[in-house]
């Protein structure tokens, strides 16, 4: 029988070639450089640099019908953070009992099936690489979710005032505190058409609280993303005259600043300008893209049937602190793919922080 193995040589039976002094020095320098790079990579990995935001218009329906396409997008962008709005999954808690907005409902056979469908989807690649936090409404309305890569460990809140266990009504807020930045995922309430508690007044209160929040959060750079339900400038809608003169059931608000399409009234746009100016914030997409893009420069597309056919608005954003503007590598509207929703995803990428530019 032929031997197909070599006898094991005793340790130390072969002499290693000796290195010269210069070669030793070079080897030590290379090793130190590699260790330095590893430390820098480990440190930078604690800071999120790639982000994706999307109003899913029912995360469950997207899991059932559009998951393969969505997964490919996430794999391509490889975001550190994914912010979802309009999850539309009810919070845990049986009928008549207090709800837990941080957990998916599963106390009925139908809710268990829906939860299993969604959990099965996010347990598969690439979503299984993320931790997920939920902030849900009591019913299949609103709700937000935040997916953060597992090597990142933010402190997470569900209200603008950072109260530990408090969730904003309808699950509209998830706030993540990282070591160097603060990320806010919001689903802003729609302005509506009338001056009542569920329309104009609710939106005024929301904008007031957002202004207070950004003014109180200047200690750390802010990345504010989500469906903000406002088109800031005329360039941000496809048909300015249509949206400016829109009305519901013939009703015209007495205050001219409140007239028009929710999200494009002068009052909302002015308040949004105030939040950006006083909060020292910039619109990352418009910072990079100065001109109107009629092909994929809008994040919301109207119903293909009816008066909104072909009408589009940009109401989804990445708003960042001015101190981050030189680090914006890209901010893209993925307007060629809506993945079943009436909103398209939006991505943001930041350059790593340059330690030399930070005197501290």
Protein backbone atom coordinates (compact mmCIF):
# COMPACT_ATOMS: atom_id res chain seq x y z
CA UNK A 1 0.00 0.00 0.00
CA UNK A 2 1.28 3.42 -0.91
CA UNK A 3 1.65 5.97 1.79
CA UNK A 4 -0.27 9.15 1.04
CA UNK A 5 0.82 11.00 4.14
CA UNK A 6 4.01 12.56 5.28
CA UNK A 7 5.46 11.77 8.67
CA UNK A 8 4.96 14.54 11.18
CA UNK A 9 8.11 16.47 11.79
CA UNK A 10 9.04 17.29 15.32
CA UNK A 11 8.50 20.85 16.39
CA UNK A 12 11.60 22.87 15.86
CA UNK A 13 13.12 20.37 13.44
CA UNK A 14 13.21 23.05 10.77
CA UNK A 15 15.06 26.25 11.39
CA UNK A 16 13.28 29.49 10.58
CA UNK A 17 15.28 31.94 8.54
CA UNK A 18 16.55 34.74 10.72
CA UNK A 19 15.43 38.31 10.01
CA UNK A 20 17.73 41.24 9.69
CA UNK A 21 17.36 44.24 12.00
CA UNK A 22 15.74 46.30 9.24
CA UNK A 23 13.31 43.49 8.40
CA UNK A 24 12.38 43.16 12.10
CA UNK A 25 11.75 46.87 12.24
CA UNK A 26 9.56 46.76 9.13
CA UNK A 27 7.63 43.78 10.49
CA UNK A 28 7.00 45.58 13.80
CA UNK A 29 5.86 48.72 12.00
CA UNK A 30 3.50 46.73 9.77
CA UNK A 31 2.08 44.90 12.78
CA UNK A 32 1.55 48.18 14.64
CA UNK A 33 -0.11 49.70 11.58
CA UNK A 34 -2.46 46.70 11.25
CA UNK A 35 -3.37 46.92 14.93
CA UNK A 36 -4.00 50.63 14.58
CA UNK A 37 -6.27 50.01 11.59
CA UNK A 38 -8.15 47.32 13.50
CA UNK A 39 -8.66 49.66 16.45
CA UNK A 40 -9.84 52.44 14.15
CA UNK A 41 -12.22 50.07 12.36
CA UNK A 42 -13.56 48.82 15.66
CA UNK A 43 -14.08 52.36 16.90
CA UNK A 44 -15.72 53.56 13.66
CA UNK A 45 -17.99 50.51 13.65
CA UNK A 46 -19.65 51.95 16.76
CA UNK A 47 -20.96 54.84 14.66
CA UNK A 48 -23.68 54.21 12.05
CA UNK A 49 -22.79 55.57 8.62
CA UNK A 50 -25.42 54.11 6.27
CA UNK A 51 -29.15 54.63 6.73
CA UNK A 52 -32.38 53.66 5.00
CA UNK A 53 -35.84 55.10 5.70
CA UNK A 54 -39.15 53.94 4.24
CA UNK A 55 -42.87 54.27 4.81
CA UNK A 56 -43.86 50.65 4.15
CA UNK A 57 -47.64 51.29 4.09
CA UNK A 58 -48.10 47.99 6.05
CA UNK A 59 -44.92 46.10 6.84
CA UNK A 60 -46.92 42.85 6.96
CA UNK A 61 -48.15 43.25 3.37
CA UNK A 62 -44.62 43.98 2.24
CA UNK A 63 -43.44 40.80 4.00
CA UNK A 64 -46.12 38.82 2.18
CA UNK A 65 -45.82 40.35 -1.27
CA UNK A 66 -42.57 42.29 -1.77
CA UNK A 67 -39.99 40.78 0.56
CA UNK A 68 -37.60 39.42 -2.08
CA UNK A 69 -37.29 42.81 -3.82
CA UNK A 70 -36.93 44.65 -0.53
CA UNK A 71 -34.27 42.22 0.71
CA UNK A 72 -32.24 42.77 -2.44
CA UNK A 73 -32.35 46.53 -1.88
CA UNK A 74 -31.22 46.14 1.74
CA UNK A 75 -28.41 43.80 0.67
CA UNK A 76 -27.29 46.31 -1.96
CA UNK A 77 -27.29 49.35 0.33
CA UNK A 78 -26.20 47.42 3.43
CA UNK A 79 -27.47 50.09 5.86
CA UNK A 80 -26.42 50.21 9.49
CA UNK A 81 -29.87 51.50 10.41
CA UNK A 82 -33.29 50.93 8.79
CA UNK A 83 -36.16 53.19 9.85
CA UNK A 84 -39.68 52.02 8.99
CA UNK A 85 -42.93 53.98 9.23
CA UNK A 86 -46.53 52.77 8.95
CA UNK A 87 -45.79 49.29 10.27
CA UNK A 88 -49.56 48.88 10.75
CA UNK A 89 -49.30 45.99 13.20
CA UNK A 90 -51.28 46.24 16.46
CA UNK A 91 -49.54 46.36 19.84
CA UNK A 92 -49.66 43.37 22.17
CA UNK A 93 -52.47 43.15 24.69
CA UNK A 94 -55.84 41.45 24.79
CA UNK A 95 -59.16 43.26 24.30
CA UNK A 96 -59.82 45.74 27.08
CA UNK A 97 -56.34 45.25 28.59
CA UNK A 98 -53.44 47.75 28.58
CA UNK A 99 -51.37 47.55 25.40
CA UNK A 100 -47.62 47.02 25.08
CA UNK A 101 -46.50 49.18 22.12
CA UNK A 102 -43.09 47.49 22.05
CA UNK A 103 -44.47 44.03 21.23
CA UNK A 104 -46.51 42.62 18.33
CA UNK A 105 -50.01 41.39 19.15
CA UNK A 106 -50.30 37.58 19.26
CA UNK A 107 -53.25 36.71 21.51
CA UNK A 108 -55.58 35.57 18.72
CA UNK A 109 -55.06 32.98 16.00
CA UNK A 110 -55.05 35.62 13.24
CA UNK A 111 -52.62 37.91 15.09
CA UNK A 112 -50.32 34.95 15.82
CA UNK A 113 -50.27 34.03 12.14
CA UNK A 114 -49.50 37.62 11.17
CA UNK A 115 -46.76 37.91 13.75
CA UNK A 116 -45.20 34.63 12.61
CA UNK A 117 -45.25 35.81 9.00
CA UNK A 118 -43.46 39.02 9.87
CA UNK A 119 -40.99 37.46 12.30
CA UNK A 120 -40.13 34.75 9.77
CA UNK A 121 -39.35 37.45 7.21
CA UNK A 122 -37.08 39.49 9.49
CA UNK A 123 -35.35 36.32 10.71
CA UNK A 124 -34.02 35.68 7.21
CA UNK A 125 -31.07 37.42 5.53
CA UNK A 126 -30.33 40.28 5.49
CA UNK A 127 -32.70 41.38 8.28
CA UNK A 128 -31.45 38.79 10.75
CA UNK A 129 -28.27 40.85 11.04
CA UNK A 130 -30.25 43.55 12.89
CA UNK A 131 -31.83 44.13 16.27
CA UNK A 132 -35.37 45.47 15.93
CA UNK A 133 -37.38 47.85 18.11
CA UNK A 134 -41.13 48.42 17.65
CA UNK A 135 -43.37 51.32 18.60
CA UNK A 136 -46.93 50.34 17.71
CA UNK A 137 -50.46 51.72 17.84
CA UNK A 138 -53.31 49.86 19.51
CA UNK A 139 -54.82 49.05 16.12
CA UNK A 140 -53.52 48.42 12.61
CA UNK A 141 -52.58 52.05 12.19
CA UNK A 142 -49.34 54.00 12.17
CA UNK A 143 -46.46 52.47 14.08
CA UNK A 144 -42.71 52.62 13.52
CA UNK A 145 -39.83 50.15 13.62
CA UNK A 146 -36.07 50.56 13.87
CA UNK A 147 -33.56 47.96 12.70
CA UNK A 148 -29.97 48.46 13.89
CA UNK A 149 -27.01 46.23 13.06
CA UNK A 150 -26.15 43.99 15.97
CA UNK A 151 -22.62 45.34 16.52
CA UNK A 152 -24.13 48.75 17.31
CA UNK A 153 -25.67 49.24 20.73
CA UNK A 154 -27.78 52.40 20.92
CA UNK A 155 -29.93 53.48 23.81
CA UNK A 156 -33.50 53.58 22.49
CA UNK A 157 -36.48 55.74 23.50
CA UNK A 158 -40.01 55.97 22.12
CA UNK A 159 -40.93 59.55 22.92
CA UNK A 160 -39.54 63.01 22.18
CA UNK A 161 -39.08 63.70 25.89
CA UNK A 162 -36.97 60.52 26.29
CA UNK A 163 -39.21 59.08 29.00
CA UNK A 164 -37.99 55.50 29.41
CA UNK A 165 -41.21 53.53 28.92
CA UNK A 166 -43.45 56.11 27.25
CA UNK A 167 -44.50 55.64 23.62
CA UNK A 168 -45.87 58.52 21.56
CA UNK A 169 -49.52 58.07 20.49
CA UNK A 170 -49.84 55.86 17.38
CA UNK A 171 -46.19 54.78 17.77
CA UNK A 172 -44.89 57.80 15.88
CA UNK A 173 -41.39 58.06 17.39
CA UNK A 174 -38.28 55.94 17.90
CA UNK A 175 -35.17 57.76 19.13
CA UNK A 176 -31.77 56.02 19.13
CA UNK A 177 -28.82 57.45 21.05
CA UNK A 178 -25.44 56.40 19.63
CA UNK A 179 -22.08 57.47 21.03
CA UNK A 180 -21.55 60.21 18.45
CA UNK A 181 -24.95 60.87 16.87
CA UNK A 182 -28.65 60.86 17.72
CA UNK A 183 -31.11 59.30 15.25
CA UNK A 184 -34.82 60.13 15.26
CA UNK A 185 -37.32 58.06 13.25
CA UNK A 186 -40.75 59.71 13.02
CA UNK A 187 -44.08 59.21 11.31
CA UNK A 188 -45.47 62.75 11.40
CA UNK A 189 -49.25 63.17 11.59
CA UNK A 190 -50.99 64.27 8.42
CA UNK A 191 -52.20 67.88 8.54
CA UNK A 192 -55.69 66.94 7.37
CA UNK A 193 -58.22 69.34 5.86
CA UNK A 194 -59.99 71.05 8.78
CA UNK A 195 -59.10 73.12 11.83
CA UNK A 196 -59.99 70.50 14.45
CA UNK A 197 -58.21 68.31 17.00
CA UNK A 198 -57.42 65.55 14.50
CA UNK A 199 -56.14 67.81 11.73
CA UNK A 200 -54.65 71.31 11.81
CA UNK A 201 -54.48 71.56 15.62
CA UNK A 202 -52.80 68.16 15.98
CA UNK A 203 -50.18 69.05 13.38
CA UNK A 204 -49.50 72.45 14.96
CA UNK A 205 -48.86 70.73 18.31
CA UNK A 206 -46.57 68.20 16.63
CA UNK A 207 -44.51 70.90 14.90
CA UNK A 208 -44.23 72.85 18.15
CA UNK A 209 -42.91 69.78 19.97
CA UNK A 210 -40.48 69.01 17.13
CA UNK A 211 -39.08 72.53 17.35
CA UNK A 212 -38.67 72.16 21.11
CA UNK A 213 -36.97 68.79 20.62
CA UNK A 214 -34.38 69.97 18.09
CA UNK A 215 -33.55 73.03 20.19
CA UNK A 216 -33.01 70.83 23.25
CA UNK A 217 -30.91 68.29 21.32
CA UNK A 218 -28.05 70.45 20.10
CA UNK A 219 -25.50 68.70 22.31
CA UNK A 220 -25.06 65.93 19.73
CA UNK A 221 -25.47 65.83 15.91
CA UNK A 222 -28.97 64.79 14.87
CA UNK A 223 -30.14 62.60 12.00
CA UNK A 224 -33.91 62.97 11.69
CA UNK A 225 -35.59 60.69 9.17
CA UNK A 226 -38.94 59.28 8.20
CA UNK A 227 -42.25 60.30 6.69
CA UNK A 228 -42.38 63.95 7.77
CA UNK A 229 -45.60 64.59 5.80
CA UNK A 230 -44.51 67.96 4.40
CA UNK A 231 -43.18 69.10 1.03
CA UNK A 232 -40.95 72.00 1.93
CA UNK A 233 -40.65 73.86 -1.38
CA UNK A 234 -42.42 73.99 -4.74
CA UNK A 235 -39.56 71.96 -6.20
CA UNK A 236 -40.67 69.14 -3.88
CA UNK A 237 -44.00 68.50 -5.63
CA UNK A 238 -44.70 67.50 -9.20
CA UNK A 239 -47.68 69.85 -9.72
CA UNK A 240 -47.44 72.92 -7.42
CA UNK A 241 -50.66 74.58 -8.67
CA UNK A 242 -52.67 71.39 -8.19
CA UNK A 243 -51.46 70.87 -4.63
CA UNK A 244 -51.74 74.55 -3.75
CA UNK A 245 -55.41 74.65 -4.74
CA UNK A 246 -56.46 71.19 -3.59
CA UNK A 247 -59.55 70.93 -1.38
CA UNK A 248 -61.79 68.23 0.04
CA UNK A 249 -65.53 68.21 -0.55
CA UNK A 250 -65.36 71.84 -1.62
CA UNK A 251 -64.31 73.06 1.84
CA UNK A 252 -61.93 76.04 1.92
CA UNK A 253 -60.28 76.93 5.28
CA UNK A 254 -60.77 80.59 6.27
CA UNK A 255 -57.05 81.06 6.88
CA UNK A 256 -55.25 81.25 3.54
CA UNK A 257 -52.11 79.71 5.02
CA UNK A 258 -54.03 76.52 5.79
CA UNK A 259 -55.44 76.06 2.29
CA UNK A 260 -54.32 73.35 -0.08
CA UNK A 261 -53.08 69.80 0.01
CA UNK A 262 -52.09 68.50 3.46
CA UNK A 263 -48.32 68.56 3.45
CA UNK A 264 -48.16 71.52 1.08
CA UNK A 265 -50.03 74.24 2.94
CA UNK A 266 -48.10 77.44 3.50
CA UNK A 267 -48.51 77.13 7.28
CA UNK A 268 -46.87 73.69 7.41
CA UNK A 269 -44.05 74.71 5.11
CA UNK A 270 -43.31 77.83 7.14
CA UNK A 271 -43.21 75.89 10.40
CA UNK A 272 -40.90 73.33 8.80
CA UNK A 273 -38.59 76.14 7.69
CA UNK A 274 -38.52 77.43 11.27
CA UNK A 275 -37.58 73.99 12.62
CA UNK A 276 -34.70 73.70 10.15
CA UNK A 277 -33.43 77.26 10.63
CA UNK A 278 -33.63 77.46 14.41
CA UNK A 279 -32.48 73.87 14.86
CA UNK A 280 -29.49 74.46 12.52
CA UNK A 281 -30.55 71.53 10.37
CA UNK A 282 -30.30 70.85 6.64
CA UNK A 283 -32.25 68.72 4.19
CA UNK A 284 -29.60 66.21 3.08
CA UNK A 285 -31.27 65.32 -0.22
CA UNK A 286 -31.81 68.92 -1.32
CA UNK A 287 -28.31 69.83 -0.11
CA UNK A 288 -26.92 67.47 -2.76
CA UNK A 289 -29.66 67.66 -5.40
CA UNK A 290 -30.38 71.28 -6.24
CA UNK A 291 -32.58 70.67 -9.28
CA UNK A 292 -35.99 69.04 -9.53
CA UNK A 293 -35.88 65.42 -10.71
CA UNK A 294 -39.20 64.46 -12.29
CA UNK A 295 -38.16 60.81 -12.71
CA UNK A 296 -37.24 59.70 -9.20
CA UNK A 297 -37.04 62.86 -7.08
CA UNK A 298 -40.32 62.33 -5.22
CA UNK A 299 -40.98 59.88 -2.40
CA UNK A 300 -44.80 59.65 -2.51
CA UNK A 301 -46.86 58.76 -5.55
CA UNK A 302 -50.62 59.32 -5.74
CA UNK A 303 -53.21 56.67 -6.45
CA UNK A 304 -52.98 55.67 -10.13
CA UNK A 305 -56.78 56.01 -10.34
CA UNK A 306 -58.47 59.35 -9.72
CA UNK A 307 -57.37 62.96 -9.37
CA UNK A 308 -53.97 62.10 -7.85
CA UNK A 309 -52.88 60.03 -10.82
CA UNK A 310 -49.37 61.06 -11.81
CA UNK A 311 -49.13 63.50 -8.89
CA UNK A 312 -46.13 63.11 -6.60
CA UNK A 313 -44.64 64.73 -3.50
CA UNK A 314 -41.36 64.54 -1.58
CA UNK A 315 -42.46 64.03 2.03
CA UNK A 316 -39.78 61.56 3.25
CA UNK A 317 -36.48 62.99 4.46
CA UNK A 318 -33.10 62.76 6.03
CA UNK A 319 -32.65 65.98 7.99
CA UNK A 320 -29.20 66.34 9.56
CA UNK A 321 -27.38 68.81 11.77
CA UNK A 322 -25.39 71.43 9.87
CA UNK A 323 -22.23 70.13 11.53
CA UNK A 324 -22.69 66.88 9.54
CA UNK A 325 -23.09 68.48 6.11
CA UNK A 326 -19.45 68.00 5.06
CA UNK A 327 -19.78 64.30 5.83
CA UNK A 328 -22.77 63.66 3.53
CA UNK A 329 -21.46 61.22 0.93
CA UNK A 330 -24.83 60.50 -0.69
CA UNK A 331 -28.57 60.86 -0.17
CA UNK A 332 -30.70 59.10 -2.76
CA UNK A 333 -34.41 58.76 -3.45
CA UNK A 334 -35.02 55.26 -4.78
CA UNK A 335 -38.00 56.48 -6.76
CA UNK A 336 -37.93 53.72 -9.34
CA UNK A 337 -38.95 51.13 -6.75
CA UNK A 338 -41.85 51.50 -4.32
CA UNK A 339 -41.98 47.79 -3.37
CA UNK A 340 -45.75 47.79 -3.03
CA UNK A 341 -45.97 50.96 -0.92
CA UNK A 342 -47.07 54.41 -2.05
CA UNK A 343 -43.70 55.66 -0.73
CA UNK A 344 -40.23 54.83 -2.03
CA UNK A 345 -37.17 54.22 0.18
CA UNK A 346 -34.58 56.93 0.81
CA UNK A 347 -30.94 56.29 1.73
CA UNK A 348 -28.22 58.34 3.36
CA UNK A 349 -24.50 57.66 3.66
CA UNK A 350 -22.10 59.64 5.82
CA UNK A 351 -18.31 59.72 5.62
CA UNK A 352 -16.49 58.56 8.75
CA UNK A 353 -15.65 61.35 11.14
CA UNK A 354 -12.19 62.78 10.69
CA UNK A 355 -10.56 62.94 14.15
CA UNK A 356 -8.23 65.74 12.99
CA UNK A 357 -11.23 67.99 12.31
CA UNK A 358 -12.46 67.54 15.87
CA UNK A 359 -10.36 69.61 18.27
CA UNK A 360 -11.67 67.70 21.28
